Amino acid sequence: MARNPSVAPHLTADQVMRKIKGTVGFWRVQKWLVIYNLLVDPRPLMEIAGHVGLAWQTVRNLVSRYNRFGPQAIEGPGKGGRRRAYMDLKAEADFLEPFFERASTGKVATAMEIKKAWEKRLGHTVHKTTVYRLLRRHGWRKIVPRPFHVRAKDEKQREFKKTSRKE
C-alpha cells in the first residue's frame, strides 16, 4: 500500500481556507483544495484525486511543486497570456503612435511600411501576418470603398447607359 503524501508546512489549514475563499478561478481553487485535503485529512493521492476531480499524476505534481516552491507554485502565472510577445501592449501602442498621427492627418500608413519599422525596432524579420495581427490588436482595420452603391438599381443603370451620350 502506498504511503500518504505529506505537504510542507508553508501555510496552516486556516490560511489555505482563506486562500480558497479569496481565490478567483476554478483551477486555482481546485489546486488549493488539494493542499487543504492533504493538511486536514491526509490520504493516498488516488483518493484525493477522485475527491477533487483531478488525475492522480496532476495531484502528485502539484504536491511536489508546492513542497518545493511554496504557495507561489499555485499562484503562478496560470494558463494563457502573451508569453511570446515581442513587446507588451503599451510598448506596441507607443510604437504605433506616429503612424496613428500620420493617418489622422490624411496620410496613408501601409502595413509594409509598418512592417519595415517593426523589423528595424526588433532587429530581425517577422512575417507580414504578425504586423496585421498587431494592427488588429490596436483597432486598425482596412477601409476600402464599396464596389457599388448600396441602393443601386441594375435596371436604372442599364436604362441610363442606353440613354446617355457616347463620345
Protein backbone atom coordinates (compact mmCIF):
# COMPACT_ATOMS: atom_id res chain seq x y z
CA MET A 1 0.00 0.00 0.00
CA ALA A 2 1.28 3.47 -0.90
CA ARG A 3 2.20 5.83 1.85
CA ASN A 4 0.22 9.02 2.35
CA PRO A 5 1.95 12.05 0.90
CA SER A 6 2.76 14.95 3.15
CA VAL A 7 2.69 18.66 2.46
CA ALA A 8 5.37 21.07 3.62
CA PRO A 9 4.04 23.40 6.33
CA HIS A 10 4.23 26.60 4.26
CA LEU A 11 0.71 27.61 5.35
CA THR A 12 -1.73 26.44 8.02
CA ALA A 13 -5.12 24.91 7.19
CA ASP A 14 -6.86 28.20 8.14
CA GLN A 15 -4.60 30.20 5.83
CA VAL A 16 -5.25 27.75 2.99
CA MET A 17 -9.01 28.06 3.59
CA ARG A 18 -8.69 31.86 3.36
CA LYS A 19 -6.78 31.39 0.10
CA ILE A 20 -9.59 29.18 -1.23
CA LYS A 21 -12.24 31.77 -0.35
CA GLY A 22 -10.22 34.65 -1.80
CA THR A 23 -9.06 32.95 -4.99
CA VAL A 24 -10.69 33.66 -8.33
CA GLY A 25 -10.71 30.92 -10.92
CA PHE A 26 -11.87 27.33 -10.75
CA TRP A 27 -8.48 25.76 -11.46
CA ARG A 28 -6.66 27.64 -8.70
CA VAL A 29 -9.40 26.84 -6.18
CA GLN A 30 -9.11 23.18 -7.15
CA LYS A 31 -5.36 23.27 -6.54
CA TRP A 32 -5.83 24.88 -3.14
CA LEU A 33 -8.40 22.17 -2.30
CA VAL A 34 -5.75 19.51 -2.90
CA ILE A 35 -3.42 21.20 -0.42
CA TYR A 36 -6.25 21.68 2.06
CA ASN A 37 -7.22 17.99 1.85
CA LEU A 38 -3.65 16.95 2.50
CA LEU A 39 -3.36 19.27 5.50
CA VAL A 40 -6.68 18.35 7.12
CA ASP A 41 -7.14 14.70 6.18
CA PRO A 42 -4.02 13.10 4.65
CA ARG A 43 -4.99 10.21 2.36
CA PRO A 44 -3.49 8.46 -0.65
CA LEU A 45 -3.22 10.56 -3.79
CA MET A 46 -5.77 8.42 -5.63
CA GLU A 47 -8.46 9.24 -3.07
CA ILE A 48 -7.70 12.96 -3.07
CA ALA A 49 -7.62 12.99 -6.87
CA GLY A 50 -11.05 11.33 -7.01
CA HIS A 51 -12.42 13.68 -4.36
CA VAL A 52 -11.17 16.86 -6.05
CA GLY A 53 -11.68 15.71 -9.64
CA LEU A 54 -8.10 15.68 -10.91
CA ALA A 55 -5.83 12.95 -12.21
CA TRP A 56 -3.60 11.41 -9.56
CA GLN A 57 -0.50 12.43 -11.51
CA THR A 58 -1.67 16.05 -11.51
CA VAL A 59 -2.15 15.89 -7.74
CA ARG A 60 1.31 14.34 -7.34
CA ASN A 61 2.94 17.04 -9.48
CA LEU A 62 1.06 19.77 -7.61
CA VAL A 63 2.14 18.47 -4.20
CA SER A 64 5.73 18.20 -5.38
CA ARG A 65 5.75 21.79 -6.70
CA TYR A 66 4.04 23.08 -3.55
CA ASN A 67 6.58 21.38 -1.31
CA ARG A 68 9.47 22.77 -3.37
CA PHE A 69 8.29 26.31 -4.15
CA GLY A 70 5.57 27.03 -1.60
CA PRO A 71 2.35 28.95 -2.32
CA GLN A 72 3.91 30.58 -5.40
CA ALA A 73 3.59 27.21 -7.17
CA ILE A 74 -0.20 27.55 -7.06
CA GLU A 75 -0.45 31.30 -7.50
CA GLY A 76 1.80 31.25 -10.58
CA PRO A 77 1.02 32.83 -13.92
CA GLY A 78 -1.57 30.21 -14.90
CA LYS A 79 -2.78 29.47 -18.39
CA GLY A 80 -2.92 31.87 -21.29
CA GLY A 81 -1.30 35.23 -21.67
CA ARG A 82 1.07 36.78 -24.16
CA ARG A 83 4.23 34.96 -23.14
CA ARG A 84 5.80 35.02 -26.60
CA ALA A 85 5.03 38.62 -27.43
CA TYR A 86 7.78 40.83 -28.80
CA MET A 87 6.57 43.78 -26.70
CA ASP A 88 3.85 44.44 -24.17
CA LEU A 89 0.67 46.24 -25.27
CA LYS A 90 1.82 49.64 -24.01
CA ALA A 91 5.09 49.45 -25.96
CA GLU A 92 3.18 48.36 -29.07
CA ALA A 93 0.82 51.33 -28.70
CA ASP A 94 3.80 53.68 -28.33
CA PHE A 95 5.37 52.17 -31.45
CA LEU A 96 2.17 52.70 -33.49
CA GLU A 97 1.56 56.25 -32.22
CA PRO A 98 3.45 58.04 -35.06
CA PHE A 99 1.53 56.00 -37.61
CA PHE A 100 -1.76 56.89 -35.90
CA GLU A 101 -0.85 60.58 -36.02
CA ARG A 102 0.06 60.42 -39.70
CA ALA A 103 -3.15 58.55 -40.52
CA SER A 104 -5.25 61.12 -38.65
CA THR A 105 -3.85 63.90 -40.86
CA GLY A 106 -4.84 62.01 -44.02
CA LYS A 107 -1.55 60.39 -44.90
CA VAL A 108 -1.56 56.71 -45.75
CA ALA A 109 0.28 54.27 -43.50
CA THR A 110 0.76 50.94 -45.23
CA ALA A 111 1.25 47.63 -43.49
CA MET A 112 4.53 47.03 -45.31
CA GLU A 113 5.85 50.39 -44.11
CA ILE A 114 4.88 49.49 -40.54
CA LYS A 115 6.43 46.03 -41.03
CA LYS A 116 9.78 47.55 -42.01
CA ALA A 117 9.75 49.85 -38.98
CA TRP A 118 8.74 46.92 -36.73
CA GLU A 119 11.60 44.78 -38.05
CA LYS A 120 14.03 47.64 -37.57
CA ARG A 121 12.86 48.06 -33.98
CA LEU A 122 13.09 44.31 -33.23
CA GLY A 123 16.32 43.72 -35.11
CA HIS A 124 15.07 40.72 -37.10
CA THR A 125 12.50 39.90 -39.76
CA VAL A 126 8.89 38.98 -38.98
CA HIS A 127 6.10 37.57 -41.10
CA LYS A 128 3.57 40.01 -42.52
CA THR A 129 0.72 38.39 -40.57
CA THR A 130 2.49 39.43 -37.36
CA VAL A 131 2.04 43.05 -38.39
CA TYR A 132 -1.58 42.54 -39.41
CA ARG A 133 -2.33 40.96 -36.01
CA LEU A 134 -0.55 43.87 -34.32
CA LEU A 135 -2.71 46.36 -36.20
CA ARG A 136 -5.89 44.42 -35.46
CA ARG A 137 -4.99 44.26 -31.75
CA HIS A 138 -4.85 48.06 -31.67
CA GLY A 139 -8.08 48.67 -33.53
CA TRP A 140 -6.81 49.33 -37.04
CA ARG A 141 -8.81 47.99 -39.93
CA LYS A 142 -8.58 48.20 -43.66
CA ILE A 143 -11.15 50.65 -45.00
CA VAL A 144 -11.86 50.41 -48.72
CA PRO A 145 -14.63 51.96 -50.82
CA ARG A 146 -17.55 49.75 -51.73
CA PRO A 147 -17.50 48.40 -55.27
CA PHE A 148 -21.11 49.52 -55.76
CA HIS A 149 -23.68 51.78 -54.13
CA VAL A 150 -25.90 50.16 -51.54
CA ARG A 151 -29.16 51.36 -53.09
CA ALA A 152 -28.13 50.94 -56.73
CA LYS A 153 -30.75 49.51 -59.10
CA ASP A 154 -29.48 47.42 -62.01
CA GLU A 155 -32.32 48.26 -64.38
CA LYS A 156 -31.95 52.02 -63.81
CA GLN A 157 -28.23 51.75 -64.55
CA ARG A 158 -28.93 49.85 -67.77
CA GLU A 159 -31.54 52.47 -68.73
CA PHE A 160 -29.03 55.26 -68.09
CA LYS A 161 -26.40 53.54 -70.21
CA LYS A 162 -28.85 53.32 -73.14
CA THR A 163 -29.89 56.98 -72.97
CA SER A 164 -26.54 58.57 -72.13
CA ARG A 165 -24.47 60.20 -74.85
CA LYS A 166 -21.44 58.34 -76.04
CA GLU A 167 -18.49 60.41 -77.09
